[in-house]
ModelCIF file with pLDDT and N, C-alpha, C, O atoms, coordinates in Angstrom:
data_MODEL
#
_entry.id   MODEL 
#
_entity.id                         1 
_entity.type                       polymer 
_entity.pdbx_number_of_molecules   1 
#
_entity_poly.entity_id                      1 
_entity_poly.type                           'polypeptide(L)' 
_entity_poly.nstd_linkage                   no 
_entity_poly.nstd_monomer                   no 
_entity_poly.pdbx_seq_one_letter_code       AVSEEEKIYHVTSAPMTGHQPRDFVILVSQRQPCRPQEPYTVA 
_entity_poly.pdbx_seq_one_letter_code_can   AVSEEEKIYHVTSAPMTGHQPRDFVILVSQRQPCRPQEPYTVA 
_entity_poly.pdbx_strand_id                 A 
#
loop_
_entity_poly_seq.entity_id 
_entity_poly_seq.num 
_entity_poly_seq.mon_id 
_entity_poly_seq.hetero 
1 1  ALA n 
1 2  VAL n 
1 3  SER n 
1 4  GLU n 
1 5  GLU n 
1 6  GLU n 
1 7  LYS n 
1 8  ILE n 
1 9  TYR n 
1 10 HIS n 
1 11 VAL n 
1 12 THR n 
1 13 SER n 
1 14 ALA n 
1 15 PRO n 
1 16 MET n 
1 17 THR n 
1 18 GLY n 
1 19 HIS n 
1 20 GLN n 
1 21 PRO n 
1 22 ARG n 
1 23 ASP n 
1 24 PHE n 
1 25 VAL n 
1 26 ILE n 
1 27 LEU n 
1 28 VAL n 
1 29 SER n 
1 30 GLN n 
1 31 ARG n 
1 32 GLN n 
1 33 PRO n 
1 34 CYS n 
1 35 ARG n 
1 36 PRO n 
1 37 GLN n 
1 38 GLU n 
1 39 PRO n 
1 40 TYR n 
1 41 THR n 
1 42 VAL n 
1 43 ALA n 
#
_struct_asym.id          A 
_struct_asym.entity_id   1 
#
loop_
_ma_qa_metric.id 
_ma_qa_metric.mode 
_ma_qa_metric.name 
_ma_qa_metric.software_group_id 
_ma_qa_metric.type 
1 global pLDDT . pLDDT 
2 local  pLDDT . pLDDT 
#
_ma_qa_metric_global.metric_id      1 
_ma_qa_metric_global.metric_value   90.63 
_ma_qa_metric_global.model_id       1 
_ma_qa_metric_global.ordinal_id     1 
#
loop_
_ma_qa_metric_local.label_asym_id 
_ma_qa_metric_local.label_comp_id 
_ma_qa_metric_local.label_seq_id 
_ma_qa_metric_local.metric_id 
_ma_qa_metric_local.metric_value 
_ma_qa_metric_local.model_id 
_ma_qa_metric_local.ordinal_id 
A ALA 1  2 92.00 1 1  
A VAL 2  2 90.00 1 2  
A SER 3  2 90.00 1 3  
A GLU 4  2 89.00 1 4  
A GLU 5  2 93.00 1 5  
A GLU 6  2 94.00 1 6  
A LYS 7  2 95.00 1 7  
A ILE 8  2 95.00 1 8  
A TYR 9  2 96.00 1 9  
A HIS 10 2 96.00 1 10 
A VAL 11 2 95.00 1 11 
A THR 12 2 94.00 1 12 
A SER 13 2 89.00 1 13 
A ALA 14 2 80.00 1 14 
A PRO 15 2 79.00 1 15 
A MET 16 2 73.00 1 16 
A THR 17 2 72.00 1 17 
A GLY 18 2 74.00 1 18 
A HIS 19 2 76.00 1 19 
A GLN 20 2 84.00 1 20 
A PRO 21 2 88.00 1 21 
A ARG 22 2 90.00 1 22 
A ASP 23 2 94.00 1 23 
A PHE 24 2 94.00 1 24 
A VAL 25 2 96.00 1 25 
A ILE 26 2 95.00 1 26 
A LEU 27 2 96.00 1 27 
A VAL 28 2 96.00 1 28 
A SER 29 2 96.00 1 29 
A GLN 30 2 96.00 1 30 
A ARG 31 2 96.00 1 31 
A GLN 32 2 95.00 1 32 
A PRO 33 2 94.00 1 33 
A CYS 34 2 90.00 1 34 
A ARG 35 2 89.00 1 35 
A PRO 36 2 81.00 1 36 
A GLN 37 2 87.00 1 37 
A GLU 38 2 93.00 1 38 
A PRO 39 2 97.00 1 39 
A TYR 40 2 97.00 1 40 
A THR 41 2 97.00 1 41 
A VAL 42 2 97.00 1 42 
A ALA 43 2 97.00 1 43 
#
loop_
_atom_site.group_PDB 
_atom_site.id 
_atom_site.type_symbol 
_atom_site.label_atom_id 
_atom_site.label_alt_id 
_atom_site.label_comp_id 
_atom_site.label_asym_id 
_atom_site.label_entity_id 
_atom_site.label_seq_id 
_atom_site.pdbx_PDB_ins_code 
_atom_site.Cartn_x 
_atom_site.Cartn_y 
_atom_site.Cartn_z 
_atom_site.occupancy 
_atom_site.B_iso_or_equiv 
_atom_site.pdbx_formal_charge 
_atom_site.auth_seq_id 
_atom_site.auth_comp_id 
_atom_site.auth_asym_id 
_atom_site.auth_atom_id 
_atom_site.pdbx_PDB_model_num 
ATOM 1   N N  . ALA A 1 1  ? -11.332 11.709 -29.394 1.00 92.00 ? 1  ALA A N  1 
ATOM 2   C CA . ALA A 1 1  ? -12.036 10.718 -28.382 1.00 92.00 ? 1  ALA A CA 1 
ATOM 3   C C  . ALA A 1 1  ? -10.967 10.606 -27.480 1.00 92.00 ? 1  ALA A C  1 
ATOM 4   O O  . ALA A 1 1  ? -9.833  10.187 -27.710 1.00 92.00 ? 1  ALA A O  1 
ATOM 5   N N  . VAL A 1 2  ? -11.518 11.089 -26.264 1.00 90.00 ? 2  VAL A N  1 
ATOM 6   C CA . VAL A 1 2  ? -10.413 11.186 -25.173 1.00 90.00 ? 2  VAL A CA 1 
ATOM 7   C C  . VAL A 1 2  ? -10.299 9.664  -24.638 1.00 90.00 ? 2  VAL A C  1 
ATOM 8   O O  . VAL A 1 2  ? -9.216  9.178  -24.310 1.00 90.00 ? 2  VAL A O  1 
ATOM 9   N N  . SER A 1 3  ? -11.520 8.962  -24.584 1.00 90.00 ? 3  SER A N  1 
ATOM 10  C CA . SER A 1 3  ? -11.599 7.508  -24.007 1.00 90.00 ? 3  SER A CA 1 
ATOM 11  C C  . SER A 1 3  ? -12.691 7.068  -24.668 1.00 90.00 ? 3  SER A C  1 
ATOM 12  O O  . SER A 1 3  ? -13.284 7.714  -25.533 1.00 90.00 ? 3  SER A O  1 
ATOM 13  N N  . GLU A 1 4  ? -13.057 5.666  -24.172 1.00 89.00 ? 4  GLU A N  1 
ATOM 14  C CA . GLU A 1 4  ? -14.387 5.114  -24.620 1.00 89.00 ? 4  GLU A CA 1 
ATOM 15  C C  . GLU A 1 4  ? -15.530 5.908  -24.059 1.00 89.00 ? 4  GLU A C  1 
ATOM 16  O O  . GLU A 1 4  ? -16.539 5.932  -24.764 1.00 89.00 ? 4  GLU A O  1 
ATOM 17  N N  . GLU A 1 5  ? -15.565 6.563  -22.923 1.00 93.00 ? 5  GLU A N  1 
ATOM 18  C CA . GLU A 1 5  ? -16.431 7.177  -22.209 1.00 93.00 ? 5  GLU A CA 1 
ATOM 19  C C  . GLU A 1 5  ? -16.440 8.611  -22.356 1.00 93.00 ? 5  GLU A C  1 
ATOM 20  O O  . GLU A 1 5  ? -17.446 9.237  -22.024 1.00 93.00 ? 5  GLU A O  1 
ATOM 21  N N  . GLU A 1 6  ? -15.334 9.247  -22.859 1.00 94.00 ? 6  GLU A N  1 
ATOM 22  C CA . GLU A 1 6  ? -15.376 10.636 -23.057 1.00 94.00 ? 6  GLU A CA 1 
ATOM 23  C C  . GLU A 1 6  ? -14.963 11.287 -24.593 1.00 94.00 ? 6  GLU A C  1 
ATOM 24  O O  . GLU A 1 6  ? -13.912 11.034 -25.183 1.00 94.00 ? 6  GLU A O  1 
ATOM 25  N N  . LYS A 1 7  ? -15.754 11.941 -24.953 1.00 95.00 ? 7  LYS A N  1 
ATOM 26  C CA . LYS A 1 7  ? -15.515 12.562 -26.319 1.00 95.00 ? 7  LYS A CA 1 
ATOM 27  C C  . LYS A 1 7  ? -15.666 14.184 -26.145 1.00 95.00 ? 7  LYS A C  1 
ATOM 28  O O  . LYS A 1 7  ? -16.465 14.713 -25.372 1.00 95.00 ? 7  LYS A O  1 
ATOM 29  N N  . ILE A 1 8  ? -14.851 14.803 -26.913 1.00 95.00 ? 8  ILE A N  1 
ATOM 30  C CA . ILE A 1 8  ? -14.973 16.171 -27.082 1.00 95.00 ? 8  ILE A CA 1 
ATOM 31  C C  . ILE A 1 8  ? -15.379 16.515 -28.496 1.00 95.00 ? 8  ILE A C  1 
ATOM 32  O O  . ILE A 1 8  ? -14.820 16.096 -29.510 1.00 95.00 ? 8  ILE A O  1 
ATOM 33  N N  . TYR A 1 9  ? -16.560 17.437 -28.437 1.00 96.00 ? 9  TYR A N  1 
ATOM 34  C CA . TYR A 1 9  ? -17.237 17.867 -29.813 1.00 96.00 ? 9  TYR A CA 1 
ATOM 35  C C  . TYR A 1 9  ? -17.190 19.589 -29.868 1.00 96.00 ? 9  TYR A C  1 
ATOM 36  O O  . TYR A 1 9  ? -17.048 20.382 -28.937 1.00 96.00 ? 9  TYR A O  1 
ATOM 37  N N  . HIS A 1 10 ? -17.360 19.830 -31.279 1.00 96.00 ? 10 HIS A N  1 
ATOM 38  C CA . HIS A 1 10 ? -17.486 20.988 -31.648 1.00 96.00 ? 10 HIS A CA 1 
ATOM 39  C C  . HIS A 1 10 ? -18.880 21.148 -32.211 1.00 96.00 ? 10 HIS A C  1 
ATOM 40  O O  . HIS A 1 10 ? -19.151 20.682 -33.317 1.00 96.00 ? 10 HIS A O  1 
ATOM 41  N N  . VAL A 1 11 ? -19.638 21.697 -31.589 1.00 95.00 ? 11 VAL A N  1 
ATOM 42  C CA . VAL A 1 11 ? -21.089 22.034 -31.887 1.00 95.00 ? 11 VAL A CA 1 
ATOM 43  C C  . VAL A 1 11 ? -21.277 23.358 -32.514 1.00 95.00 ? 11 VAL A C  1 
ATOM 44  O O  . VAL A 1 11 ? -20.590 24.278 -32.068 1.00 95.00 ? 11 VAL A O  1 
ATOM 45  N N  . THR A 1 12 ? -22.086 23.592 -33.461 1.00 94.00 ? 12 THR A N  1 
ATOM 46  C CA . THR A 1 12 ? -22.467 24.968 -34.133 1.00 94.00 ? 12 THR A CA 1 
ATOM 47  C C  . THR A 1 12 ? -24.119 25.038 -34.061 1.00 94.00 ? 12 THR A C  1 
ATOM 48  O O  . THR A 1 12 ? -24.691 24.029 -34.474 1.00 94.00 ? 12 THR A O  1 
ATOM 49  N N  . SER A 1 13 ? -24.800 25.930 -33.666 1.00 89.00 ? 13 SER A N  1 
ATOM 50  C CA . SER A 1 13 ? -26.167 26.176 -33.437 1.00 89.00 ? 13 SER A CA 1 
ATOM 51  C C  . SER A 1 13 ? -26.738 27.201 -34.484 1.00 89.00 ? 13 SER A C  1 
ATOM 52  O O  . SER A 1 13 ? -26.127 28.192 -34.881 1.00 89.00 ? 13 SER A O  1 
ATOM 53  N N  . ALA A 1 14 ? -27.884 26.852 -34.836 1.00 80.00 ? 14 ALA A N  1 
ATOM 54  C CA . ALA A 1 14 ? -28.624 27.947 -35.849 1.00 80.00 ? 14 ALA A CA 1 
ATOM 55  C C  . ALA A 1 14 ? -28.648 29.147 -35.348 1.00 80.00 ? 14 ALA A C  1 
ATOM 56  O O  . ALA A 1 14 ? -28.766 29.164 -34.123 1.00 80.00 ? 14 ALA A O  1 
ATOM 57  N N  . PRO A 1 15 ? -28.566 30.342 -35.961 1.00 79.00 ? 15 PRO A N  1 
ATOM 58  C CA . PRO A 1 15 ? -28.748 31.703 -35.296 1.00 79.00 ? 15 PRO A CA 1 
ATOM 59  C C  . PRO A 1 15 ? -30.338 32.045 -34.999 1.00 79.00 ? 15 PRO A C  1 
ATOM 60  O O  . PRO A 1 15 ? -31.266 31.702 -35.731 1.00 79.00 ? 15 PRO A O  1 
ATOM 61  N N  . MET A 1 16 ? -30.439 32.703 -33.916 1.00 73.00 ? 16 MET A N  1 
ATOM 62  C CA . MET A 1 16 ? -31.795 33.059 -33.690 1.00 73.00 ? 16 MET A CA 1 
ATOM 63  C C  . MET A 1 16 ? -31.874 34.303 -34.031 1.00 73.00 ? 16 MET A C  1 
ATOM 64  O O  . MET A 1 16 ? -30.813 34.915 -34.156 1.00 73.00 ? 16 MET A O  1 
ATOM 65  N N  . THR A 1 17 ? -33.003 34.922 -34.244 1.00 72.00 ? 17 THR A N  1 
ATOM 66  C CA . THR A 1 17 ? -33.161 36.334 -34.750 1.00 72.00 ? 17 THR A CA 1 
ATOM 67  C C  . THR A 1 17 ? -32.497 37.401 -33.981 1.00 72.00 ? 17 THR A C  1 
ATOM 68  O O  . THR A 1 17 ? -32.610 37.581 -32.769 1.00 72.00 ? 17 THR A O  1 
ATOM 69  N N  . GLY A 1 18 ? -31.885 37.999 -34.702 1.00 74.00 ? 18 GLY A N  1 
ATOM 70  C CA . GLY A 1 18 ? -31.049 39.132 -33.902 1.00 74.00 ? 18 GLY A CA 1 
ATOM 71  C C  . GLY A 1 18 ? -29.927 38.672 -33.390 1.00 74.00 ? 18 GLY A C  1 
ATOM 72  O O  . GLY A 1 18 ? -29.321 39.538 -32.758 1.00 74.00 ? 18 GLY A O  1 
ATOM 73  N N  . HIS A 1 19 ? -29.283 37.365 -33.429 1.00 76.00 ? 19 HIS A N  1 
ATOM 74  C CA . HIS A 1 19 ? -28.321 36.854 -32.613 1.00 76.00 ? 19 HIS A CA 1 
ATOM 75  C C  . HIS A 1 19 ? -27.348 36.277 -33.696 1.00 76.00 ? 19 HIS A C  1 
ATOM 76  O O  . HIS A 1 19 ? -27.809 35.965 -34.794 1.00 76.00 ? 19 HIS A O  1 
ATOM 77  N N  . GLN A 1 20 ? -26.014 36.124 -33.422 1.00 84.00 ? 20 GLN A N  1 
ATOM 78  C CA . GLN A 1 20 ? -24.868 35.560 -34.346 1.00 84.00 ? 20 GLN A CA 1 
ATOM 79  C C  . GLN A 1 20 ? -25.276 34.041 -33.940 1.00 84.00 ? 20 GLN A C  1 
ATOM 80  O O  . GLN A 1 20 ? -25.759 33.591 -32.901 1.00 84.00 ? 20 GLN A O  1 
ATOM 81  N N  . PRO A 1 21 ? -24.896 33.426 -35.160 1.00 88.00 ? 21 PRO A N  1 
ATOM 82  C CA . PRO A 1 21 ? -24.835 31.797 -34.634 1.00 88.00 ? 21 PRO A CA 1 
ATOM 83  C C  . PRO A 1 21 ? -23.994 31.423 -33.623 1.00 88.00 ? 21 PRO A C  1 
ATOM 84  O O  . PRO A 1 21 ? -22.982 32.123 -33.593 1.00 88.00 ? 21 PRO A O  1 
ATOM 85  N N  . ARG A 1 22 ? -24.046 30.536 -32.747 1.00 90.00 ? 22 ARG A N  1 
ATOM 86  C CA . ARG A 1 22 ? -23.235 30.272 -31.540 1.00 90.00 ? 22 ARG A CA 1 
ATOM 87  C C  . ARG A 1 22 ? -22.460 29.201 -31.862 1.00 90.00 ? 22 ARG A C  1 
ATOM 88  O O  . ARG A 1 22 ? -22.860 28.499 -32.791 1.00 90.00 ? 22 ARG A O  1 
ATOM 89  N N  . ASP A 1 23 ? -21.269 28.857 -31.218 1.00 94.00 ? 23 ASP A N  1 
ATOM 90  C CA . ASP A 1 23 ? -20.744 27.564 -31.153 1.00 94.00 ? 23 ASP A CA 1 
ATOM 91  C C  . ASP A 1 23 ? -20.242 27.065 -29.751 1.00 94.00 ? 23 ASP A C  1 
ATOM 92  O O  . ASP A 1 23 ? -20.113 27.878 -28.836 1.00 94.00 ? 23 ASP A O  1 
ATOM 93  N N  . PHE A 1 24 ? -19.979 25.834 -29.590 1.00 94.00 ? 24 PHE A N  1 
ATOM 94  C CA . PHE A 1 24 ? -19.774 25.172 -28.262 1.00 94.00 ? 24 PHE A CA 1 
ATOM 95  C C  . PHE A 1 24 ? -18.586 24.276 -28.593 1.00 94.00 ? 24 PHE A C  1 
ATOM 96  O O  . PHE A 1 24 ? -18.436 23.741 -29.691 1.00 94.00 ? 24 PHE A O  1 
ATOM 97  N N  . VAL A 1 25 ? -17.673 24.139 -27.462 1.00 96.00 ? 25 VAL A N  1 
ATOM 98  C CA . VAL A 1 25 ? -16.665 22.965 -27.530 1.00 96.00 ? 25 VAL A CA 1 
ATOM 99  C C  . VAL A 1 25 ? -17.117 22.327 -26.259 1.00 96.00 ? 25 VAL A C  1 
ATOM 100 O O  . VAL A 1 25 ? -17.057 22.889 -25.166 1.00 96.00 ? 25 VAL A O  1 
ATOM 101 N N  . ILE A 1 26 ? -17.635 20.958 -26.490 1.00 95.00 ? 26 ILE A N  1 
ATOM 102 C CA . ILE A 1 26 ? -18.136 20.287 -25.240 1.00 95.00 ? 26 ILE A CA 1 
ATOM 103 C C  . ILE A 1 26 ? -17.434 19.128 -24.744 1.00 95.00 ? 26 ILE A C  1 
ATOM 104 O O  . ILE A 1 26 ? -16.847 18.545 -25.655 1.00 95.00 ? 26 ILE A O  1 
ATOM 105 N N  . LEU A 1 27 ? -17.293 18.589 -23.596 1.00 96.00 ? 27 LEU A N  1 
ATOM 106 C CA . LEU A 1 27 ? -16.846 17.496 -23.296 1.00 96.00 ? 27 LEU A CA 1 
ATOM 107 C C  . LEU A 1 27 ? -18.182 16.578 -22.885 1.00 96.00 ? 27 LEU A C  1 
ATOM 108 O O  . LEU A 1 27 ? -19.021 16.837 -22.022 1.00 96.00 ? 27 LEU A O  1 
ATOM 109 N N  . VAL A 1 28 ? -18.123 15.590 -23.647 1.00 96.00 ? 28 VAL A N  1 
ATOM 110 C CA . VAL A 1 28 ? -19.618 14.614 -23.217 1.00 96.00 ? 28 VAL A CA 1 
ATOM 111 C C  . VAL A 1 28 ? -18.926 13.460 -22.633 1.00 96.00 ? 28 VAL A C  1 
ATOM 112 O O  . VAL A 1 28 ? -18.073 12.803 -23.230 1.00 96.00 ? 28 VAL A O  1 
ATOM 113 N N  . SER A 1 29 ? -19.365 13.228 -21.350 1.00 96.00 ? 29 SER A N  1 
ATOM 114 C CA . SER A 1 29 ? -18.840 12.003 -20.541 1.00 96.00 ? 29 SER A CA 1 
ATOM 115 C C  . SER A 1 29 ? -20.123 11.024 -20.490 1.00 96.00 ? 29 SER A C  1 
ATOM 116 O O  . SER A 1 29 ? -21.263 11.430 -20.265 1.00 96.00 ? 29 SER A O  1 
ATOM 117 N N  . GLN A 1 30 ? -19.813 9.820  -20.706 1.00 96.00 ? 30 GLN A N  1 
ATOM 118 C CA . GLN A 1 30 ? -21.137 8.918  -20.239 1.00 96.00 ? 30 GLN A CA 1 
ATOM 119 C C  . GLN A 1 30 ? -20.578 7.683  -19.193 1.00 96.00 ? 30 GLN A C  1 
ATOM 120 O O  . GLN A 1 30 ? -19.408 7.314  -19.089 1.00 96.00 ? 30 GLN A O  1 
ATOM 121 N N  . ARG A 1 31 ? -21.682 7.194  -18.502 1.00 96.00 ? 31 ARG A N  1 
ATOM 122 C CA . ARG A 1 31 ? -21.335 6.327  -17.518 1.00 96.00 ? 31 ARG A CA 1 
ATOM 123 C C  . ARG A 1 31 ? -22.368 5.411  -17.383 1.00 96.00 ? 31 ARG A C  1 
ATOM 124 O O  . ARG A 1 31 ? -23.483 5.847  -17.095 1.00 96.00 ? 31 ARG A O  1 
ATOM 125 N N  . GLN A 1 32 ? -22.185 4.118  -17.553 1.00 95.00 ? 32 GLN A N  1 
ATOM 126 C CA . GLN A 1 32 ? -23.132 3.061  -17.143 1.00 95.00 ? 32 GLN A CA 1 
ATOM 127 C C  . GLN A 1 32 ? -23.399 2.884  -15.873 1.00 95.00 ? 32 GLN A C  1 
ATOM 128 O O  . GLN A 1 32 ? -22.395 3.008  -15.173 1.00 95.00 ? 32 GLN A O  1 
ATOM 129 N N  . PRO A 1 33 ? -24.584 2.586  -15.172 1.00 94.00 ? 33 PRO A N  1 
ATOM 130 C CA . PRO A 1 33 ? -24.782 2.465  -13.800 1.00 94.00 ? 33 PRO A CA 1 
ATOM 131 C C  . PRO A 1 33 ? -24.030 1.287  -13.241 1.00 94.00 ? 33 PRO A C  1 
ATOM 132 O O  . PRO A 1 33 ? -23.919 0.204  -13.816 1.00 94.00 ? 33 PRO A O  1 
ATOM 133 N N  . CYS A 1 34 ? -23.520 1.600  -12.064 1.00 90.00 ? 34 CYS A N  1 
ATOM 134 C CA . CYS A 1 34 ? -22.772 0.592  -11.241 1.00 90.00 ? 34 CYS A CA 1 
ATOM 135 C C  . CYS A 1 34 ? -23.765 -0.420 -10.575 1.00 90.00 ? 34 CYS A C  1 
ATOM 136 O O  . CYS A 1 34 ? -23.479 -1.616 -10.526 1.00 90.00 ? 34 CYS A O  1 
ATOM 137 N N  . ARG A 1 35 ? -25.023 0.110  -10.026 1.00 89.00 ? 35 ARG A N  1 
ATOM 138 C CA . ARG A 1 35 ? -25.837 -0.787 -9.375  1.00 89.00 ? 35 ARG A CA 1 
ATOM 139 C C  . ARG A 1 35 ? -27.218 -0.616 -10.239 1.00 89.00 ? 35 ARG A C  1 
ATOM 140 O O  . ARG A 1 35 ? -27.512 0.368  -10.919 1.00 89.00 ? 35 ARG A O  1 
ATOM 141 N N  . PRO A 1 36 ? -27.989 -1.789 -10.056 1.00 81.00 ? 36 PRO A N  1 
ATOM 142 C CA . PRO A 1 36 ? -29.277 -1.669 -10.892 1.00 81.00 ? 36 PRO A CA 1 
ATOM 143 C C  . PRO A 1 36 ? -30.203 -0.471 -10.841 1.00 81.00 ? 36 PRO A C  1 
ATOM 144 O O  . PRO A 1 36 ? -30.875 -0.121 -11.812 1.00 81.00 ? 36 PRO A O  1 
ATOM 145 N N  . GLN A 1 37 ? -30.213 0.295  -9.374  1.00 87.00 ? 37 GLN A N  1 
ATOM 146 C CA . GLN A 1 37 ? -31.184 1.213  -9.255  1.00 87.00 ? 37 GLN A CA 1 
ATOM 147 C C  . GLN A 1 37 ? -30.429 2.495  -9.900  1.00 87.00 ? 37 GLN A C  1 
ATOM 148 O O  . GLN A 1 37 ? -31.132 3.492  -10.065 1.00 87.00 ? 37 GLN A O  1 
ATOM 149 N N  . GLU A 1 38 ? -29.468 2.547  -10.168 1.00 93.00 ? 38 GLU A N  1 
ATOM 150 C CA . GLU A 1 38 ? -28.496 3.829  -10.641 1.00 93.00 ? 38 GLU A CA 1 
ATOM 151 C C  . GLU A 1 38 ? -28.971 4.177  -11.956 1.00 93.00 ? 38 GLU A C  1 
ATOM 152 O O  . GLU A 1 38 ? -29.387 3.266  -12.672 1.00 93.00 ? 38 GLU A O  1 
ATOM 153 N N  . PRO A 1 39 ? -28.969 5.337  -12.366 1.00 97.00 ? 39 PRO A N  1 
ATOM 154 C CA . PRO A 1 39 ? -29.330 5.652  -13.840 1.00 97.00 ? 39 PRO A CA 1 
ATOM 155 C C  . PRO A 1 39 ? -28.187 5.684  -14.685 1.00 97.00 ? 39 PRO A C  1 
ATOM 156 O O  . PRO A 1 39 ? -27.075 5.843  -14.180 1.00 97.00 ? 39 PRO A O  1 
ATOM 157 N N  . TYR A 1 40 ? -28.349 5.536  -16.070 1.00 97.00 ? 40 TYR A N  1 
ATOM 158 C CA . TYR A 1 40 ? -27.316 5.590  -17.132 1.00 97.00 ? 40 TYR A CA 1 
ATOM 159 C C  . TYR A 1 40 ? -27.190 7.383  -16.973 1.00 97.00 ? 40 TYR A C  1 
ATOM 160 O O  . TYR A 1 40 ? -28.101 8.166  -16.707 1.00 97.00 ? 40 TYR A O  1 
ATOM 161 N N  . THR A 1 41 ? -25.764 7.679  -17.234 1.00 97.00 ? 41 THR A N  1 
ATOM 162 C CA . THR A 1 41 ? -25.469 9.485  -17.289 1.00 97.00 ? 41 THR A CA 1 
ATOM 163 C C  . THR A 1 41 ? -24.790 9.573  -18.466 1.00 97.00 ? 41 THR A C  1 
ATOM 164 O O  . THR A 1 41 ? -24.008 8.743  -18.928 1.00 97.00 ? 41 THR A O  1 
ATOM 165 N N  . VAL A 1 42 ? -25.181 10.790 -19.007 1.00 97.00 ? 42 VAL A N  1 
ATOM 166 C CA . VAL A 1 42 ? -24.327 11.261 -20.178 1.00 97.00 ? 42 VAL A CA 1 
ATOM 167 C C  . VAL A 1 42 ? -24.504 13.004 -19.828 1.00 97.00 ? 42 VAL A C  1 
ATOM 168 O O  . VAL A 1 42 ? -25.465 13.757 -19.985 1.00 97.00 ? 42 VAL A O  1 
ATOM 169 N N  . ALA A 1 43 ? -23.036 13.250 -19.260 1.00 97.00 ? 43 ALA A N  1 
ATOM 170 C CA . ALA A 1 43 ? -22.937 14.636 -18.751 1.00 97.00 ? 43 ALA A CA 1 
ATOM 171 C C  . ALA A 1 43 ? -22.148 15.325 -19.750 1.00 97.00 ? 43 ALA A C  1 
ATOM 172 O O  . ALA A 1 43 ? -21.884 16.519 -19.613 1.00 97.00 ? 43 ALA A O  1 
#
């Protein structure tokens, strides 16, 4: 948990036919809107 808005996850995904199972190390960043018309963001 890098901060309240950033976390690093390790994800594994199911194997597809003929493929090895995959894994990912990802940074998930979240932001609340600064102004009413802006979206919430999860990158």
